[in-house]
């Protein structure tokens, strides 16, 4: 089974527009897709991965909201192995990292399949739906290009699979 593991640090209602993992999960739940494991700390990630192993499951992809998650990214590297990663970067955070105002926690991920998708406060709902569509298609065929296409500004929208 190709399941994503969602990682998002934000937990307060004040940050609801930035809680993109929860929005993606809501789209997937509406399509009756489960299980959708979720963690908000490095300790929870370890617990969730242990629980999945006990059920002979493993994440097919890690979906990480990078907003306020720099420390998790540093520690996550040792846990994911060769599993692909989708980083959901809030535009504000991405700009801060690209402008050199923060140490980039992404350098440790150079040895595996990784894609980045940016979102903003006004685009998070649309982005969540697009990411959910890509994850449904990725679950069907494990084609990582579907996830990589999320990062292209001019890439075509990934459409829902009929019947989902």
Protein backbone atom coordinates (compact mmCIF):
# COMPACT_ATOMS: atom_id res chain seq x y z
CA UNK A 1 0.00 0.00 0.00
CA UNK A 2 1.38 3.41 -1.00
CA UNK A 3 0.63 5.65 1.95
CA UNK A 4 2.01 9.10 2.66
CA UNK A 5 3.22 10.11 6.10
CA UNK A 6 2.34 13.74 6.83
CA UNK A 7 4.51 15.91 9.07
CA UNK A 8 3.37 19.31 10.26
CA UNK A 9 4.54 21.21 13.33
CA UNK A 10 1.86 23.92 13.39
CA UNK A 11 -0.96 23.21 15.80
CA UNK A 12 -2.69 26.45 16.71
CA UNK A 13 -5.80 27.84 15.07
CA UNK A 14 -3.90 31.09 14.53
CA UNK A 15 -1.85 29.27 11.90
CA UNK A 16 -4.71 27.48 10.14
CA UNK A 17 -3.92 28.99 6.72
CA UNK A 18 -0.40 27.52 6.93
CA UNK A 19 -1.56 24.03 7.98
CA UNK A 20 -1.36 22.66 4.48
CA UNK A 21 -0.81 19.02 5.45
CA UNK A 22 -4.13 19.02 7.29
CA UNK A 23 -5.79 20.50 4.21
CA UNK A 24 -4.28 17.85 1.92
CA UNK A 25 -5.39 15.15 4.35
CA UNK A 26 -8.95 16.53 4.36
CA UNK A 27 -9.08 16.19 0.56
CA UNK A 28 -7.82 12.62 0.77
CA UNK A 29 -10.28 11.71 3.56
CA UNK A 30 -13.14 13.00 1.38
CA UNK A 31 -12.01 10.47 -1.22
CA UNK A 32 -12.05 7.72 1.43
CA UNK A 33 -8.29 7.33 1.28
CA UNK A 34 -6.73 6.03 4.47
CA UNK A 35 -4.73 5.44 6.55
CA UNK A 36 -3.12 8.87 6.60
CA UNK A 37 -0.48 8.80 9.32
CA UNK A 38 0.41 12.18 10.80
CA UNK A 39 3.12 13.48 13.14
CA UNK A 40 4.02 16.88 14.56
CA UNK A 41 7.36 16.13 16.22
CA UNK A 42 10.38 13.94 15.64
CA UNK A 43 9.23 11.70 18.52
CA UNK A 44 5.80 11.27 16.97
CA UNK A 45 7.43 10.41 13.64
CA UNK A 46 9.38 7.60 15.33
CA UNK A 47 6.22 6.35 17.06
CA UNK A 48 4.17 6.44 13.85
CA UNK A 49 6.85 4.65 11.86
CA UNK A 50 7.10 1.97 14.57
CA UNK A 51 3.30 1.51 14.51
CA UNK A 52 3.32 1.24 10.72
CA UNK A 53 6.11 -1.38 10.81
CA UNK A 54 4.05 -3.46 13.24
CA UNK A 55 1.30 -3.52 10.58
CA UNK A 56 3.79 -4.32 7.80
CA UNK A 57 3.32 -0.85 6.32
CA UNK A 58 5.83 1.82 5.41
CA UNK A 59 5.42 5.34 4.08
CA UNK A 60 5.74 5.56 0.30
CA UNK A 61 6.42 9.29 0.62
CA UNK A 62 6.97 11.82 3.40
CA UNK A 63 4.93 15.00 3.00
CA UNK A 64 6.47 17.72 5.18
CA UNK A 65 5.23 21.24 5.81
CA UNK A 66 8.55 23.00 6.31
CA UNK A 67 7.01 26.02 8.05
CA UNK A 68 8.55 26.04 11.56
CA UNK A 69 9.94 22.54 10.95
CA UNK A 70 13.66 23.22 10.45
CA UNK A 71 14.71 21.09 13.42
CA UNK A 72 12.52 18.20 12.32
CA UNK A 73 14.07 18.34 8.85
CA UNK A 74 17.53 17.98 10.31
CA UNK A 75 16.54 14.93 12.35
CA UNK A 76 14.28 13.39 9.72
CA UNK A 77 17.17 12.68 7.36
CA UNK A 78 18.27 9.60 9.30
CA UNK A 79 14.73 8.22 9.51
CA UNK A 80 13.51 8.32 5.92
CA UNK A 81 16.07 6.15 4.15
CA UNK A 82 15.44 6.21 0.41
CA UNK A 83 11.78 7.17 0.73
CA UNK A 84 10.83 10.15 -1.46
CA UNK A 85 10.01 13.46 0.22
CA UNK A 86 7.63 16.25 -0.74
CA UNK A 87 8.46 19.51 1.02
CA UNK A 88 5.60 21.98 1.24
CA UNK A 89 7.23 25.37 1.67
CA UNK A 90 5.37 28.48 2.63
CA UNK A 91 6.52 31.24 0.29
CA UNK A 92 7.68 33.36 3.20
CA UNK A 93 9.86 30.53 4.53
CA UNK A 94 11.22 29.66 1.08
CA UNK A 95 12.16 33.29 0.42
CA UNK A 96 13.93 33.49 3.78
CA UNK A 97 15.95 30.36 3.02
CA UNK A 98 16.74 31.41 -0.55
CA UNK A 99 17.88 34.87 0.55
CA UNK A 100 20.36 33.36 3.00
CA UNK A 101 18.57 34.63 6.09
CA UNK A 102 18.40 31.14 7.56
CA UNK A 103 20.52 28.03 7.50
CA UNK A 104 19.05 25.69 4.93
CA UNK A 105 18.01 22.41 6.58
CA UNK A 106 17.54 20.89 3.14
CA UNK A 107 21.17 20.15 2.34
CA UNK A 108 21.09 16.70 3.99
CA UNK A 109 18.46 15.48 1.54
CA UNK A 110 20.59 15.52 -1.61
CA UNK A 111 20.82 11.73 -1.92
CA UNK A 112 17.11 10.90 -2.43
CA UNK A 113 14.09 11.85 -4.50
CA UNK A 114 12.85 15.16 -3.22
CA UNK A 115 10.41 17.72 -4.55
CA UNK A 116 9.32 21.11 -3.33
CA UNK A 117 5.92 22.72 -3.68
CA UNK A 118 5.40 26.30 -2.52
CA UNK A 119 2.17 27.70 -1.13
CA UNK A 120 1.00 30.96 0.37
CA UNK A 121 -1.76 31.99 2.73
CA UNK A 122 -4.07 32.81 -0.17
CA UNK A 123 -3.15 29.75 -2.26
CA UNK A 124 -3.05 27.03 0.40
CA UNK A 125 -6.52 25.65 -0.34
CA UNK A 126 -5.88 25.34 -4.08
CA UNK A 127 -2.38 23.97 -3.49
CA UNK A 128 -3.73 21.38 -1.03
CA UNK A 129 -6.18 20.09 -3.61
CA UNK A 130 -3.47 19.92 -6.28
CA UNK A 131 -1.12 18.07 -3.90
CA UNK A 132 -3.90 15.64 -2.97
CA UNK A 133 -4.52 14.91 -6.66
CA UNK A 134 -0.81 14.27 -7.21
CA UNK A 135 -0.63 11.96 -4.16
CA UNK A 136 -3.61 9.94 -5.40
CA UNK A 137 -1.92 9.50 -8.76
CA UNK A 138 1.45 8.72 -7.11
CA UNK A 139 -0.26 6.06 -4.97
CA UNK A 140 -1.53 4.44 -8.14
CA UNK A 141 1.72 4.18 -10.04
CA UNK A 142 4.63 5.38 -7.81
CA UNK A 143 5.72 7.78 -10.58
CA UNK A 144 7.68 10.45 -8.72
CA UNK A 145 7.46 12.86 -11.66
CA UNK A 146 3.87 13.50 -10.57
CA UNK A 147 5.22 14.88 -7.30
CA UNK A 148 8.09 16.74 -8.96
CA UNK A 149 5.58 18.46 -11.26
CA UNK A 150 4.16 20.24 -8.21
CA UNK A 151 7.27 22.41 -8.03
CA UNK A 152 7.03 23.77 -11.57
CA UNK A 153 5.29 27.10 -11.84
CA UNK A 154 4.27 26.32 -15.41
CA UNK A 155 3.59 22.61 -14.90
CA UNK A 156 0.12 21.43 -15.88
CA UNK A 157 -2.41 20.96 -13.11
CA UNK A 158 -2.73 17.37 -12.03
CA UNK A 159 -6.36 16.42 -12.40
CA UNK A 160 -8.28 14.07 -10.10
CA UNK A 161 -8.59 10.52 -11.32
CA UNK A 162 -12.20 9.94 -12.49
CA UNK A 163 -14.29 8.32 -9.80
CA UNK A 164 -12.19 9.69 -6.92
